Amino acid sequence: MNFEKIRNMAVGLAVMVALAFTVSTGPVSAEMKKKEFKVVGTWSFLDHWKEREGPFWKERLPKLSGGKLTANAKSQTELGLSGFEIMRLLKLGVFDAVHGVTTYVAQDSPAIEGADLAGVIQDLGLYRKANEAYRDILAREFEEKYGAKLLMIYAWPSQQLFCNLGDKSIKSYPLSKLKGKKIRTYSTTLGDFIEGVGGSAVTIAFAEVVPALQKGVADCGLTGILPAY
């Protein structure tokens, strides 16, 4: 079944308490001190962790530093912590670096969600412009709320709407028909979007979305392409 896309690009954020090191491809400095960074990545079932975040901290960083810089890097899935819990632990110094999604870490700072307003960003070109314009605000929020430095921003898969309509012959489903539907969302901005088209936003943990759709607790669920897969 083809569902109408809501192209809401999630923003991946990497933040660190301090820019404590510089890695180059040249010879390792004899003065470089050994350090093991405590790192939290995103979800273990996503390519972001398997192909980028995990390999960088576990393989590339030690290799480029001659083994002097290493990391105890674990995925958010393995730790079982929510986004805002991870950010609070970052502030306390429990972690040195974390990767996260704006909508999952914005509980203590609603301004962070401004980088990812549902329905506004429709393609990667606009996504880049929006985040270039908003980067200083994000950097300020992370600095003031968590004492952290924003290091990078990268794109996540577009969000799609998955519904259990009870009829597999349906090939398209306009937003106008979402009126009255119970729809799982995971952020304030997505909730506002769904309420705006007449739906009822409900909060359901990611692991419970499929059972909720099967049991009729929710009619639809919003999530990214890769997590849904």
Foldseek 3Di string as FASTA:
>chain_A
DDEDFFFFKWKKWKKFLDPPDDFDQDDADPPDAADEFEEEEEDPLDCCCVPPVVCCQAPVVCVRNVNRYHYPYDYCNVVVDWQCVVLQCNLVVVGGMYMDTQQGNCPVPVVSCQLTATNPDDDVVVNVVSCVVCVVVVQVCSCVVRSIGTDDMDIDATKGKFFDPVDPVDDYDDLLVQADFEEEDRGPNVQVVNVVSRHHYDHDDLVCPVVCRVVVVGGMYMDGPSSVD
